[in-house]
Every structure is written in C-alpha cells, then in structure tokens.
C-alpha cells in the first residue's frame, strides 16, 4: 500500500499540508468540504504537490516537516526547486 504527503493551495492562496493512503479520494473530500476544518472554508482547493511514500510514518513525517516550513519554502517545493529549498534551510 502506498501513502502520500500532499500540499493543497486554497482559494485564498494559503497552503494546506496533509497525508493519506488514497490521494484521489482525499482530494475529492477536500473539494466537497467533507474534511471540515481549514480547507472547508477556503474552497476550492488545488493539489499543487504530492509525493508517494512506502509507509504511513514516512508520509506523516513529511507532512509534519512541510507544515513547519514558511511560504517561500513551500513554493520552492511546488516548483521542484531543491536548490532554493536548501538555501532557505540555512
């Protein structure tokens, strides 16, 4: 079974980070407002990044790490700019 960490961009341009074992279902739940909380009041949302992991623990660790990042670092992740992520980590 695969697990995913993902990043959504909300209608107010903010970001939401989560993890799941069914990415398509979870994005649909967010879009329908079924997840409640943060994304439900910021619809629609757009999936801007995701990564597959072998275990739930790895996906959760990635989610927690990304949640601790600032906006610039999240935008670098979306762009796939690993050099910029490294710069911002210093």
C-alpha atoms as a PDB file:
ATOM      1  CA  UNK A   1       0.000   0.000   0.000  1.00  0.00           C
ATOM      2  CA  UNK A   2       1.214   3.485  -0.847  1.00  0.00           C
ATOM      3  CA  UNK A   3       0.904   6.594   1.295  1.00  0.00           C
ATOM      4  CA  UNK A   4       1.120  10.195   0.189  1.00  0.00           C
ATOM      5  CA  UNK A   5       2.058  13.561   1.615  1.00  0.00           C
ATOM      6  CA  UNK A   6       0.361  16.371  -0.268  1.00  0.00           C
ATOM      7  CA  UNK A   7       0.118  20.134  -0.477  1.00  0.00           C
ATOM      8  CA  UNK A   8      -3.053  21.973  -1.483  1.00  0.00           C
ATOM      9  CA  UNK A   9      -3.363  25.590  -2.472  1.00  0.00           C
ATOM     10  CA  UNK A  10      -6.589  27.087  -1.160  1.00  0.00           C
ATOM     11  CA  UNK A  11      -8.739  29.772  -2.779  1.00  0.00           C
ATOM     12  CA  UNK A  12      -7.166  32.418  -0.513  1.00  0.00           C
ATOM     13  CA  UNK A  13      -3.688  31.354  -1.795  1.00  0.00           C
ATOM     14  CA  UNK A  14      -2.778  29.739   1.535  1.00  0.00           C
ATOM     15  CA  UNK A  15      -1.409  26.195   1.693  1.00  0.00           C
ATOM     16  CA  UNK A  16      -2.685  23.100   3.456  1.00  0.00           C
ATOM     17  CA  UNK A  17      -0.491  20.052   4.053  1.00  0.00           C
ATOM     18  CA  UNK A  18      -1.783  16.547   4.737  1.00  0.00           C
ATOM     19  CA  UNK A  19      -1.156  12.841   4.275  1.00  0.00           C
ATOM     20  CA  UNK A  20      -3.343   9.962   3.143  1.00  0.00           C
ATOM     21  CA  UNK A  21      -3.399   6.438   1.764  1.00  0.00           C
ATOM     22  CA  UNK A  22      -5.851   7.381  -1.027  1.00  0.00           C
ATOM     23  CA  UNK A  23      -4.873  10.648  -2.677  1.00  0.00           C
ATOM     24  CA  UNK A  24      -7.721  10.881  -5.205  1.00  0.00           C
ATOM     25  CA  UNK A  25     -10.374  10.190  -2.562  1.00  0.00           C
ATOM     26  CA  UNK A  26      -8.867  12.670  -0.100  1.00  0.00           C
ATOM     27  CA  UNK A  27      -8.640  15.474  -2.670  1.00  0.00           C
ATOM     28  CA  UNK A  28     -12.291  14.829  -3.569  1.00  0.00           C
ATOM     29  CA  UNK A  29     -13.213  15.001   0.113  1.00  0.00           C
ATOM     30  CA  UNK A  30     -11.397  18.330   0.462  1.00  0.00           C
ATOM     31  CA  UNK A  31     -13.098  19.701  -2.673  1.00  0.00           C
ATOM     32  CA  UNK A  32     -16.520  18.671  -1.345  1.00  0.00           C
ATOM     33  CA  UNK A  33     -15.848  20.284   2.039  1.00  0.00           C
ATOM     34  CA  UNK A  34     -16.124  16.887   3.753  1.00  0.00           C
ATOM     35  CA  UNK A  35     -12.848  17.220   5.660  1.00  0.00           C
ATOM     36  CA  UNK A  36     -14.091  20.195   7.639  1.00  0.00           C
ATOM     37  CA  UNK A  37     -11.610  22.492   9.286  1.00  0.00           C
ATOM     38  CA  UNK A  38      -9.145  24.612   7.388  1.00  0.00           C
ATOM     39  CA  UNK A  39      -9.889  23.728   3.772  1.00  0.00           C
ATOM     40  CA  UNK A  40     -13.693  23.688   4.129  1.00  0.00           C
ATOM     41  CA  UNK A  41     -13.760  27.477   4.439  1.00  0.00           C
ATOM     42  CA  UNK A  42     -11.212  28.055   1.658  1.00  0.00           C
ATOM     43  CA  UNK A  43     -12.697  26.205  -1.310  1.00  0.00           C
ATOM     44  CA  UNK A  44     -11.890  25.414  -3.984  1.00  0.00           C
ATOM     45  CA  UNK A  45      -8.519  23.796  -3.350  1.00  0.00           C
ATOM     46  CA  UNK A  46      -5.929  22.690  -5.893  1.00  0.00           C
ATOM     47  CA  UNK A  47      -3.412  19.890  -5.484  1.00  0.00           C
ATOM     48  CA  UNK A  48      -0.032  21.512  -6.153  1.00  0.00           C
ATOM     49  CA  UNK A  49       2.365  18.822  -4.866  1.00  0.00           C
ATOM     50  CA  UNK A  50       2.348  15.225  -3.703  1.00  0.00           C
ATOM     51  CA  UNK A  51       4.883  12.515  -3.036  1.00  0.00           C
ATOM     52  CA  UNK A  52       4.426   8.802  -2.529  1.00  0.00           C
ATOM     53  CA  UNK A  53       5.927   7.017   0.487  1.00  0.00           C
ATOM     54  CA  UNK A  54       6.218   3.364   1.434  1.00  0.00           C
ATOM     55  CA  UNK A  55       4.829   3.795   4.939  1.00  0.00           C
ATOM     56  CA  UNK A  56       2.306   5.984   6.743  1.00  0.00           C
ATOM     57  CA  UNK A  57       5.041   7.027   9.172  1.00  0.00           C
ATOM     58  CA  UNK A  58       7.182   8.414   6.324  1.00  0.00           C
ATOM     59  CA  UNK A  59       4.230  10.312   4.838  1.00  0.00           C
ATOM     60  CA  UNK A  60       3.311  11.728   8.249  1.00  0.00           C
ATOM     61  CA  UNK A  61       6.928  12.769   8.878  1.00  0.00           C
ATOM     62  CA  UNK A  62       6.977  14.593   5.526  1.00  0.00           C
ATOM     63  CA  UNK A  63       3.659  16.300   6.357  1.00  0.00           C
ATOM     64  CA  UNK A  64       4.962  17.487   9.710  1.00  0.00           C
ATOM     65  CA  UNK A  65       8.208  18.732   8.185  1.00  0.00           C
ATOM     66  CA  UNK A  66       6.421  20.695   5.451  1.00  0.00           C
ATOM     67  CA  UNK A  67       3.920  22.153   7.938  1.00  0.00           C
ATOM     68  CA  UNK A  68       6.887  23.713   9.727  1.00  0.00           C
ATOM     69  CA  UNK A  69       8.097  25.452   6.574  1.00  0.00           C
ATOM     70  CA  UNK A  70       7.376  29.030   5.600  1.00  0.00           C
ATOM     71  CA  UNK A  71       5.571  30.059   2.447  1.00  0.00           C
ATOM     72  CA  UNK A  72       8.748  30.577   0.376  1.00  0.00           C
ATOM     73  CA  UNK A  73       9.962  27.069   1.099  1.00  0.00           C
ATOM     74  CA  UNK A  74       6.570  25.557   0.227  1.00  0.00           C
ATOM     75  CA  UNK A  75       6.555  27.484  -3.050  1.00  0.00           C
ATOM     76  CA  UNK A  76      10.044  26.170  -3.826  1.00  0.00           C
ATOM     77  CA  UNK A  77       8.757  22.640  -3.169  1.00  0.00           C
ATOM     78  CA  UNK A  78       5.849  23.179  -5.565  1.00  0.00           C
ATOM     79  CA  UNK A  79       8.312  24.444  -8.180  1.00  0.00           C
ATOM     80  CA  UNK A  80      10.629  21.487  -7.588  1.00  0.00           C
ATOM     81  CA  UNK A  81      13.454  23.925  -6.785  1.00  0.00           C
ATOM     82  CA  UNK A  82      15.580  21.847  -4.404  1.00  0.00           C
ATOM     83  CA  UNK A  83      18.434  24.341  -4.571  1.00  0.00           C
ATOM     84  CA  UNK A  84      16.120  27.083  -3.255  1.00  0.00           C
ATOM     85  CA  UNK A  85      14.821  24.782  -0.503  1.00  0.00           C
ATOM     86  CA  UNK A  86      18.415  24.192   0.595  1.00  0.00           C
ATOM     87  CA  UNK A  87      19.117  27.929   0.565  1.00  0.00           C
ATOM     88  CA  UNK A  88      16.032  28.660   2.649  1.00  0.00           C
ATOM     89  CA  UNK A  89      17.016  25.947   5.149  1.00  0.00           C
ATOM     90  CA  UNK A  90      20.170  27.853   6.107  1.00  0.00           C
END
